[in-house]
PDB file of all heavy atoms in Angstrom:
ATOM      1  N   PHE A   1     -79.905 -26.641  22.251  1.00  0.00           N
ATOM      2  CA  PHE A   1     -78.779 -25.814  22.478  1.00  0.00           C
ATOM      3  C   PHE A   1     -77.576 -26.515  22.874  1.00  0.00           C
ATOM      4  O   PHE A   1     -77.538 -27.485  23.620  1.00  0.00           O
ATOM      5  CB  PHE A   1     -79.115 -24.749  23.605  1.00  0.00           C
ATOM      6  CG  PHE A   1     -80.296 -23.926  23.283  1.00  0.00           C
ATOM      7  CD1 PHE A   1     -81.494 -23.940  23.852  1.00  0.00           C
ATOM      8  CD2 PHE A   1     -80.159 -22.936  22.259  1.00  0.00           C
ATOM      9  CE1 PHE A   1     -82.569 -23.262  23.622  1.00  0.00           C
ATOM     10  CE2 PHE A   1     -81.195 -22.103  21.986  1.00  0.00           C
ATOM     11  CZ  PHE A   1     -82.486 -22.261  22.598  1.00  0.00           C
ATOM     12  N   ALA A   2     -76.437 -26.132  22.362  1.00  0.00           N
ATOM     13  CA  ALA A   2     -75.107 -26.853  22.816  1.00  0.00           C
ATOM     14  C   ALA A   2     -74.754 -26.316  24.254  1.00  0.00           C
ATOM     15  O   ALA A   2     -75.197 -25.281  24.531  1.00  0.00           O
ATOM     16  CB  ALA A   2     -74.076 -26.269  21.720  1.00  0.00           C
ATOM     17  N   PRO A   3     -73.951 -27.087  24.951  1.00  0.00           N
ATOM     18  CA  PRO A   3     -73.556 -26.690  26.242  1.00  0.00           C
ATOM     19  C   PRO A   3     -72.700 -25.300  26.147  1.00  0.00           C
ATOM     20  O   PRO A   3     -72.036 -24.992  25.263  1.00  0.00           O
ATOM     21  CB  PRO A   3     -72.524 -27.741  26.619  1.00  0.00           C
ATOM     22  CG  PRO A   3     -72.929 -28.973  25.832  1.00  0.00           C
ATOM     23  CD  PRO A   3     -73.428 -28.484  24.532  1.00  0.00           C
ATOM     24  N   ARG A   4     -73.144 -24.507  27.228  1.00  0.00           N
ATOM     25  CA  ARG A   4     -72.499 -23.126  27.261  1.00  0.00           C
ATOM     26  C   ARG A   4     -72.311 -22.843  28.747  1.00  0.00           C
ATOM     27  O   ARG A   4     -73.045 -23.263  29.604  1.00  0.00           O
ATOM     28  CB  ARG A   4     -73.337 -22.151  26.554  1.00  0.00           C
ATOM     29  CG  ARG A   4     -74.816 -22.034  27.143  1.00  0.00           C
ATOM     30  CD  ARG A   4     -75.733 -21.358  26.105  1.00  0.00           C
ATOM     31  NE  ARG A   4     -75.951 -22.226  25.006  1.00  0.00           N
ATOM     32  CZ  ARG A   4     -76.366 -21.827  23.828  1.00  0.00           C
ATOM     33  NH1 ARG A   4     -76.502 -20.451  23.573  1.00  0.00           N
ATOM     34  NH2 ARG A   4     -76.476 -22.662  22.886  1.00  0.00           N
ATOM     35  N   GLU A   5     -71.477 -21.776  28.986  1.00  0.00           N
ATOM     36  CA  GLU A   5     -71.137 -21.480  30.315  1.00  0.00           C
ATOM     37  C   GLU A   5     -72.051 -20.231  30.818  1.00  0.00           C
ATOM     38  O   GLU A   5     -72.130 -19.969  31.891  1.00  0.00           O
ATOM     39  CB  GLU A   5     -69.588 -21.042  30.376  1.00  0.00           C
ATOM     40  CG  GLU A   5     -68.650 -22.097  30.169  1.00  0.00           C
ATOM     41  CD  GLU A   5     -67.323 -21.772  30.514  1.00  0.00           C
ATOM     42  OE1 GLU A   5     -67.044 -20.632  30.844  1.00  0.00           O
ATOM     43  OE2 GLU A   5     -66.511 -22.587  30.143  1.00  0.00           O
ATOM     44  N   THR A   6     -72.692 -19.622  29.913  1.00  0.00           N
ATOM     45  CA  THR A   6     -73.463 -18.418  30.291  1.00  0.00           C
ATOM     46  C   THR A   6     -74.992 -18.583  30.005  1.00  0.00           C
ATOM     47  O   THR A   6     -75.355 -19.063  28.726  1.00  0.00           O
ATOM     48  CB  THR A   6     -73.019 -17.137  29.623  1.00  0.00           C
ATOM     49  OG1 THR A   6     -73.062 -17.339  28.243  1.00  0.00           O
ATOM     50  CG2 THR A   6     -71.610 -16.823  30.049  1.00  0.00           C
ATOM     51  N   GLY A   7     -75.791 -18.392  30.834  1.00  0.00           N
ATOM     52  CA  GLY A   7     -77.197 -18.559  30.685  1.00  0.00           C
ATOM     53  C   GLY A   7     -77.877 -17.529  31.587  1.00  0.00           C
ATOM     54  O   GLY A   7     -77.158 -16.713  32.296  1.00  0.00           O
ATOM     55  N   PRO A   8     -79.139 -17.514  31.698  1.00  0.00           N
ATOM     56  CA  PRO A   8     -80.201 -18.285  31.063  1.00  0.00           C
ATOM     57  C   PRO A   8     -80.282 -18.040  29.623  1.00  0.00           C
ATOM     58  O   PRO A   8     -79.933 -17.062  29.066  1.00  0.00           O
ATOM     59  CB  PRO A   8     -81.481 -18.017  31.857  1.00  0.00           C
ATOM     60  CG  PRO A   8     -80.978 -17.380  33.171  1.00  0.00           C
ATOM     61  CD  PRO A   8     -79.782 -16.668  32.683  1.00  0.00           C
ATOM     62  N   ILE A   9     -80.838 -19.004  28.912  1.00  0.00           N
ATOM     63  CA  ILE A   9     -81.092 -18.915  27.434  1.00  0.00           C
ATOM     64  C   ILE A   9     -82.544 -18.483  27.136  1.00  0.00           C
ATOM     65  O   ILE A   9     -83.418 -19.139  27.478  1.00  0.00           O
ATOM     66  CB  ILE A   9     -80.847 -20.287  26.763  1.00  0.00           C
ATOM     67  CG1 ILE A   9     -79.499 -20.857  27.283  1.00  0.00           C
ATOM     68  CG2 ILE A   9     -80.824 -20.221  25.255  1.00  0.00           C
ATOM     69  CD1 ILE A   9     -79.365 -22.354  26.926  1.00  0.00           C
ATOM     70  N   PRO A  10     -82.681 -17.442  26.308  1.00  0.00           N
ATOM     71  CA  PRO A  10     -83.980 -16.871  25.966  1.00  0.00           C
ATOM     72  C   PRO A  10     -84.528 -17.600  24.796  1.00  0.00           C
ATOM     73  O   PRO A  10     -83.733 -18.319  24.084  1.00  0.00           O
ATOM     74  CB  PRO A  10     -83.759 -15.362  25.610  1.00  0.00           C
ATOM     75  CG  PRO A  10     -82.270 -15.377  25.017  1.00  0.00           C
ATOM     76  CD  PRO A  10     -81.635 -16.435  25.840  1.00  0.00           C
ATOM     77  N   PRO A  11     -85.844 -17.524  24.553  1.00  0.00           N
ATOM     78  CA  PRO A  11     -86.457 -18.316  23.458  1.00  0.00           C
ATOM     79  C   PRO A  11     -85.966 -17.751  22.086  1.00  0.00           C
ATOM     80  O   PRO A  11     -86.073 -18.506  21.019  1.00  0.00           O
ATOM     81  CB  PRO A  11     -87.892 -17.899  23.473  1.00  0.00           C
ATOM     82  CG  PRO A  11     -88.130 -17.627  24.912  1.00  0.00           C
ATOM     83  CD  PRO A  11     -86.757 -16.884  25.422  1.00  0.00           C
ATOM     84  N   THR A  12     -85.420 -16.536  22.016  1.00  0.00           N
ATOM     85  CA  THR A  12     -84.853 -15.976  20.730  1.00  0.00           C
ATOM     86  C   THR A  12     -83.421 -16.569  20.408  1.00  0.00           C
ATOM     87  O   THR A  12     -82.984 -16.236  19.363  1.00  0.00           O
ATOM     88  CB  THR A  12     -84.915 -14.425  20.957  1.00  0.00           C
ATOM     89  OG1 THR A  12     -84.046 -14.053  22.154  1.00  0.00           O
ATOM     90  CG2 THR A  12     -86.231 -13.834  21.008  1.00  0.00           C
ATOM     91  N   ALA A  13     -82.818 -17.268  21.323  1.00  0.00           N
ATOM     92  CA  ALA A  13     -81.538 -17.707  21.032  1.00  0.00           C
ATOM     93  C   ALA A  13     -81.599 -18.721  19.855  1.00  0.00           C
ATOM     94  O   ALA A  13     -82.565 -19.538  19.789  1.00  0.00           O
ATOM     95  CB  ALA A  13     -80.940 -18.365  22.320  1.00  0.00           C
ATOM     96  N   THR A  14     -80.553 -18.818  19.042  1.00  0.00           N
ATOM     97  CA  THR A  14     -80.545 -19.660  17.993  1.00  0.00           C
ATOM     98  C   THR A  14     -80.123 -21.104  18.373  1.00  0.00           C
ATOM     99  O   THR A  14     -78.983 -21.207  18.826  1.00  0.00           O
ATOM    100  CB  THR A  14     -79.439 -19.232  16.804  1.00  0.00           C
ATOM    101  OG1 THR A  14     -79.957 -17.885  16.435  1.00  0.00           O
ATOM    102  CG2 THR A  14     -79.581 -20.083  15.701  1.00  0.00           C
ATOM    103  N   PRO A  15     -80.923 -22.171  18.146  1.00  0.00           N
ATOM    104  CA  PRO A  15     -80.513 -23.573  18.510  1.00  0.00           C
ATOM    105  C   PRO A  15     -79.167 -23.904  17.816  1.00  0.00           C
ATOM    106  O   PRO A  15     -79.005 -23.604  16.539  1.00  0.00           O
ATOM    107  CB  PRO A  15     -81.633 -24.381  17.984  1.00  0.00           C
ATOM    108  CG  PRO A  15     -82.825 -23.447  18.015  1.00  0.00           C
ATOM    109  CD  PRO A  15     -82.275 -22.126  17.596  1.00  0.00           C
ATOM    110  N   ASP A  16     -78.235 -24.401  18.452  1.00  0.00           N
ATOM    111  CA  ASP A  16     -76.927 -24.705  17.944  1.00  0.00           C
ATOM    112  C   ASP A  16     -76.365 -26.041  18.258  1.00  0.00           C
ATOM    113  O   ASP A  16     -75.164 -26.372  18.132  1.00  0.00           O
ATOM    114  CB  ASP A  16     -75.981 -23.659  18.278  1.00  0.00           C
ATOM    115  CG  ASP A  16     -75.831 -23.511  19.749  1.00  0.00           C
ATOM    116  OD1 ASP A  16     -76.602 -24.133  20.621  1.00  0.00           O
ATOM    117  OD2 ASP A  16     -75.036 -22.620  20.257  1.00  0.00           O
ATOM    118  N   ALA A  17     -77.180 -26.859  18.844  1.00  0.00           N
ATOM    119  CA  ALA A  17     -76.753 -28.421  19.233  1.00  0.00           C
ATOM    120  C   ALA A  17     -76.198 -29.041  17.978  1.00  0.00           C
ATOM    121  O   ALA A  17     -76.817 -29.010  16.873  1.00  0.00           O
ATOM    122  CB  ALA A  17     -77.832 -29.129  19.850  1.00  0.00           C
ATOM    123  N   THR A  18     -75.234 -29.873  18.147  1.00  0.00           N
ATOM    124  CA  THR A  18     -74.568 -30.672  17.065  1.00  0.00           C
ATOM    125  C   THR A  18     -74.652 -32.219  17.372  1.00  0.00           C
ATOM    126  O   THR A  18     -74.352 -32.944  16.450  1.00  0.00           O
ATOM    127  CB  THR A  18     -73.227 -30.299  16.853  1.00  0.00           C
ATOM    128  OG1 THR A  18     -72.365 -30.403  18.080  1.00  0.00           O
ATOM    129  CG2 THR A  18     -73.086 -28.825  16.387  1.00  0.00           C
ATOM    130  N   ASP A  19     -75.062 -32.528  18.583  1.00  0.00           N
ATOM    131  CA  ASP A  19     -75.267 -33.928  18.861  1.00  0.00           C
ATOM    132  C   ASP A  19     -76.420 -34.549  18.112  1.00  0.00           C
ATOM    133  O   ASP A  19     -77.328 -33.754  17.766  1.00  0.00           O
ATOM    134  CB  ASP A  19     -75.260 -34.285  20.364  1.00  0.00           C
ATOM    135  CG  ASP A  19     -76.561 -33.640  20.993  1.00  0.00           C
ATOM    136  OD1 ASP A  19     -76.528 -32.332  21.103  1.00  0.00           O
ATOM    137  OD2 ASP A  19     -77.429 -34.376  21.334  1.00  0.00           O
ATOM    138  N   ASP A  20     -76.565 -35.859  18.023  1.00  0.00           N
ATOM    139  CA  ASP A  20     -77.642 -36.480  17.424  1.00  0.00           C
ATOM    140  C   ASP A  20     -78.991 -36.075  17.907  1.00  0.00           C
ATOM    141  O   ASP A  20     -80.062 -35.784  17.235  1.00  0.00           O
ATOM    142  CB  ASP A  20     -77.587 -37.979  17.317  1.00  0.00           C
ATOM    143  CG  ASP A  20     -76.316 -38.401  16.500  1.00  0.00           C
ATOM    144  OD1 ASP A  20     -75.956 -37.597  15.607  1.00  0.00           O
ATOM    145  OD2 ASP A  20     -75.983 -39.615  16.654  1.00  0.00           O
ATOM    146  N   TYR A  21     -79.265 -36.131  19.221  1.00  0.00           N
ATOM    147  CA  TYR A  21     -80.531 -35.800  19.805  1.00  0.00           C
ATOM    148  C   TYR A  21     -80.956 -34.363  19.599  1.00  0.00           C
ATOM    149  O   TYR A  21     -81.986 -34.061  19.312  1.00  0.00           O
ATOM    150  CB  TYR A  21     -80.519 -36.255  21.349  1.00  0.00           C
ATOM    151  CG  TYR A  21     -81.942 -35.983  21.898  1.00  0.00           C
ATOM    152  CD1 TYR A  21     -83.092 -36.844  21.580  1.00  0.00           C
ATOM    153  CD2 TYR A  21     -82.167 -34.967  22.847  1.00  0.00           C
ATOM    154  CE1 TYR A  21     -84.323 -36.539  22.189  1.00  0.00           C
ATOM    155  CE2 TYR A  21     -83.394 -34.733  23.347  1.00  0.00           C
ATOM    156  CZ  TYR A  21     -84.483 -35.515  23.013  1.00  0.00           C
ATOM    157  OH  TYR A  21     -85.671 -35.380  23.571  1.00  0.00           O
ATOM    158  N   GLY A  22     -79.894 -33.540  19.899  1.00  0.00           N
ATOM    159  CA  GLY A  22     -80.185 -32.056  19.640  1.00  0.00           C
ATOM    160  C   GLY A  22     -80.528 -31.741  18.224  1.00  0.00           C
ATOM    161  O   GLY A  22     -81.473 -30.915  18.066  1.00  0.00           O
ATOM    162  N   ARG A  23     -79.867 -32.289  17.306  1.00  0.00           N
ATOM    163  CA  ARG A  23     -80.222 -32.128  15.922  1.00  0.00           C
ATOM    164  C   ARG A  23     -81.611 -32.538  15.534  1.00  0.00           C
ATOM    165  O   ARG A  23     -82.325 -31.960  14.720  1.00  0.00           O
ATOM    166  CB  ARG A  23     -79.033 -32.603  15.053  1.00  0.00           C
ATOM    167  CG  ARG A  23     -77.738 -31.887  15.174  1.00  0.00           C
ATOM    168  CD  ARG A  23     -76.639 -32.644  14.493  1.00  0.00           C
ATOM    169  NE  ARG A  23     -76.746 -32.678  13.102  1.00  0.00           N
ATOM    170  CZ  ARG A  23     -75.937 -33.421  12.322  1.00  0.00           C
ATOM    171  NH1 ARG A  23     -74.962 -34.145  12.804  1.00  0.00           N
ATOM    172  NH2 ARG A  23     -76.163 -33.407  10.931  1.00  0.00           N
ATOM    173  N   TYR A  24     -81.886 -33.793  16.091  1.00  0.00           N
ATOM    174  CA  TYR A  24     -83.254 -34.382  15.864  1.00  0.00           C
ATOM    175  C   TYR A  24     -84.357 -33.359  16.321  1.00  0.00           C
ATOM    176  O   TYR A  24     -85.430 -33.059  15.708  1.00  0.00           O
ATOM    177  CB  TYR A  24     -83.330 -35.668  16.676  1.00  0.00           C
ATOM    178  CG  TYR A  24     -84.676 -36.280  16.971  1.00  0.00           C
ATOM    179  CD1 TYR A  24     -85.595 -36.574  15.943  1.00  0.00           C
ATOM    180  CD2 TYR A  24     -85.125 -36.233  18.288  1.00  0.00           C
ATOM    181  CE1 TYR A  24     -86.839 -37.083  16.301  1.00  0.00           C
ATOM    182  CE2 TYR A  24     -86.386 -36.676  18.559  1.00  0.00           C
ATOM    183  CZ  TYR A  24     -87.222 -37.105  17.659  1.00  0.00           C
ATOM    184  OH  TYR A  24     -88.383 -37.581  17.990  1.00  0.00           O
ATOM    185  N   LYS A  25     -84.107 -32.892  17.565  1.00  0.00           N
ATOM    186  CA  LYS A  25     -85.180 -31.871  18.006  1.00  0.00           C
ATOM    187  C   LYS A  25     -85.114 -30.559  17.305  1.00  0.00           C
ATOM    188  O   LYS A  25     -86.278 -30.067  17.055  1.00  0.00           O
ATOM    189  CB  LYS A  25     -84.803 -31.611  19.604  1.00  0.00           C
ATOM    190  CG  LYS A  25     -85.327 -32.749  20.523  1.00  0.00           C
ATOM    191  CD  LYS A  25     -86.829 -32.771  20.429  1.00  0.00           C
ATOM    192  CE  LYS A  25     -87.517 -33.733  21.607  1.00  0.00           C
ATOM    193  NZ  LYS A  25     -88.968 -33.878  21.509  1.00  0.00           N
ATOM    194  N   ARG A  26     -84.035 -30.142  16.795  1.00  0.00           N
ATOM    195  CA  ARG A  26     -84.011 -29.025  15.926  1.00  0.00           C
ATOM    196  C   ARG A  26     -84.790 -29.277  14.655  1.00  0.00           C
ATOM    197  O   ARG A  26     -85.502 -28.311  14.197  1.00  0.00           O
ATOM    198  CB  ARG A  26     -82.581 -28.631  15.659  1.00  0.00           C
ATOM    199  CG  ARG A  26     -81.848 -28.125  16.819  1.00  0.00           C
ATOM    200  CD  ARG A  26     -80.301 -27.845  16.500  1.00  0.00           C
ATOM    201  NE  ARG A  26     -80.159 -26.906  15.358  1.00  0.00           N
ATOM    202  CZ  ARG A  26     -79.008 -26.565  14.794  1.00  0.00           C
ATOM    203  NH1 ARG A  26     -77.869 -27.193  15.131  1.00  0.00           N
ATOM    204  NH2 ARG A  26     -78.910 -25.648  13.727  1.00  0.00           N
ATOM    205  N   ARG A  27     -84.516 -30.351  13.991  1.00  0.00           N
ATOM    206  CA  ARG A  27     -85.246 -30.563  12.833  1.00  0.00           C
ATOM    207  C   ARG A  27     -86.799 -30.719  13.087  1.00  0.00           C
ATOM    208  O   ARG A  27     -87.556 -30.276  12.172  1.00  0.00           O
ATOM    209  CB  ARG A  27     -84.788 -31.885  12.226  1.00  0.00           C
ATOM    210  CG  ARG A  27     -83.348 -31.781  11.540  1.00  0.00           C
ATOM    211  CD  ARG A  27     -82.936 -32.830  10.820  1.00  0.00           C
ATOM    212  NE  ARG A  27     -82.956 -34.110  11.460  1.00  0.00           N
ATOM    213  CZ  ARG A  27     -81.970 -34.748  12.111  1.00  0.00           C
ATOM    214  NH1 ARG A  27     -80.819 -34.120  12.102  1.00  0.00           N
ATOM    215  NH2 ARG A  27     -82.092 -35.877  12.713  1.00  0.00           N
ATOM    216  N   ALA A  28     -87.205 -31.452  14.082  1.00  0.00           N
ATOM    217  CA  ALA A  28     -88.542 -31.620  14.466  1.00  0.00           C
ATOM    218  C   ALA A  28     -89.293 -30.216  14.624  1.00  0.00           C
ATOM    219  O   ALA A  28     -90.350 -29.879  14.140  1.00  0.00           O
ATOM    220  CB  ALA A  28     -88.828 -32.504  15.606  1.00  0.00           C
ATOM    221  N   GLU A  29     -88.568 -29.304  15.376  1.00  0.00           N
ATOM    222  CA  GLU A  29     -89.140 -27.957  15.598  1.00  0.00           C
ATOM    223  C   GLU A  29     -89.293 -27.291  14.399  1.00  0.00           C
ATOM    224  O   GLU A  29     -90.288 -26.625  14.029  1.00  0.00           O
ATOM    225  CB  GLU A  29     -88.128 -27.143  16.366  1.00  0.00           C
ATOM    226  CG  GLU A  29     -88.239 -27.386  17.946  1.00  0.00           C
ATOM    227  CD  GLU A  29     -87.281 -26.294  18.638  1.00  0.00           C
ATOM    228  OE1 GLU A  29     -86.948 -25.309  18.065  1.00  0.00           O
ATOM    229  OE2 GLU A  29     -87.180 -26.540  19.922  1.00  0.00           O
ATOM    230  N   ALA A  30     -88.259 -27.429  13.494  1.00  0.00           N
ATOM    231  CA  ALA A  30     -88.446 -26.686  12.157  1.00  0.00           C
ATOM    232  C   ALA A  30     -89.718 -27.146  11.363  1.00  0.00           C
ATOM    233  O   ALA A  30     -90.379 -26.399  10.754  1.00  0.00           O
ATOM    234  CB  ALA A  30     -87.191 -26.783  11.292  1.00  0.00           C
ATOM    235  N   LEU A  31     -89.851 -28.528  11.279  1.00  0.00           N
ATOM    236  CA  LEU A  31     -91.029 -29.024  10.580  1.00  0.00           C
ATOM    237  C   LEU A  31     -92.334 -28.458  11.080  1.00  0.00           C
ATOM    238  O   LEU A  31     -93.212 -28.202  10.421  1.00  0.00           O
ATOM    239  CB  LEU A  31     -90.874 -30.509  10.742  1.00  0.00           C
ATOM    240  CG  LEU A  31     -89.865 -31.327   9.751  1.00  0.00           C
ATOM    241  CD1 LEU A  31     -89.774 -32.753  10.185  1.00  0.00           C
ATOM    242  CD2 LEU A  31     -90.233 -31.018   8.352  1.00  0.00           C
ATOM    243  N   VAL A  32     -92.429 -28.490  12.473  1.00  0.00           N
ATOM    244  CA  VAL A  32     -93.682 -27.930  13.059  1.00  0.00           C
ATOM    245  C   VAL A  32     -93.864 -26.548  12.891  1.00  0.00           C
ATOM    246  O   VAL A  32     -94.934 -26.155  12.489  1.00  0.00           O
ATOM    247  CB  VAL A  32     -93.625 -28.250  14.573  1.00  0.00           C
ATOM    248  CG1 VAL A  32     -94.770 -27.542  15.407  1.00  0.00           C
ATOM    249  CG2 VAL A  32     -93.610 -29.775  14.976  1.00  0.00           C
ATOM    250  N   ARG A  33     -92.824 -25.814  13.006  1.00  0.00           N
ATOM    251  CA  ARG A  33     -92.938 -24.417  12.776  1.00  0.00           C
ATOM    252  C   ARG A  33     -93.255 -24.013  11.177  1.00  0.00           C
ATOM    253  O   ARG A  33     -94.175 -23.133  10.973  1.00  0.00           O
ATOM    254  CB  ARG A  33     -91.604 -23.719  13.107  1.00  0.00           C
ATOM    255  CG  ARG A  33     -91.686 -22.200  13.403  1.00  0.00           C
ATOM    256  CD  ARG A  33     -90.402 -21.689  13.899  1.00  0.00           C
ATOM    257  NE  ARG A  33     -90.009 -22.134  15.315  1.00  0.00           N
ATOM    258  CZ  ARG A  33     -89.175 -22.853  15.758  1.00  0.00           C
ATOM    259  NH1 ARG A  33     -88.284 -23.530  14.664  1.00  0.00           N
ATOM    260  NH2 ARG A  33     -88.929 -23.257  16.993  1.00  0.00           N
TER     261      ARG A  33
END
């Protein structure tokens, strides 16, 4: 998830990170799923 001012973040939230590590984790999640 990208930094945000409002939380907590539920599991249903759409991952939106744009940094390298966040995008890496997003891709890995998608492959597993």
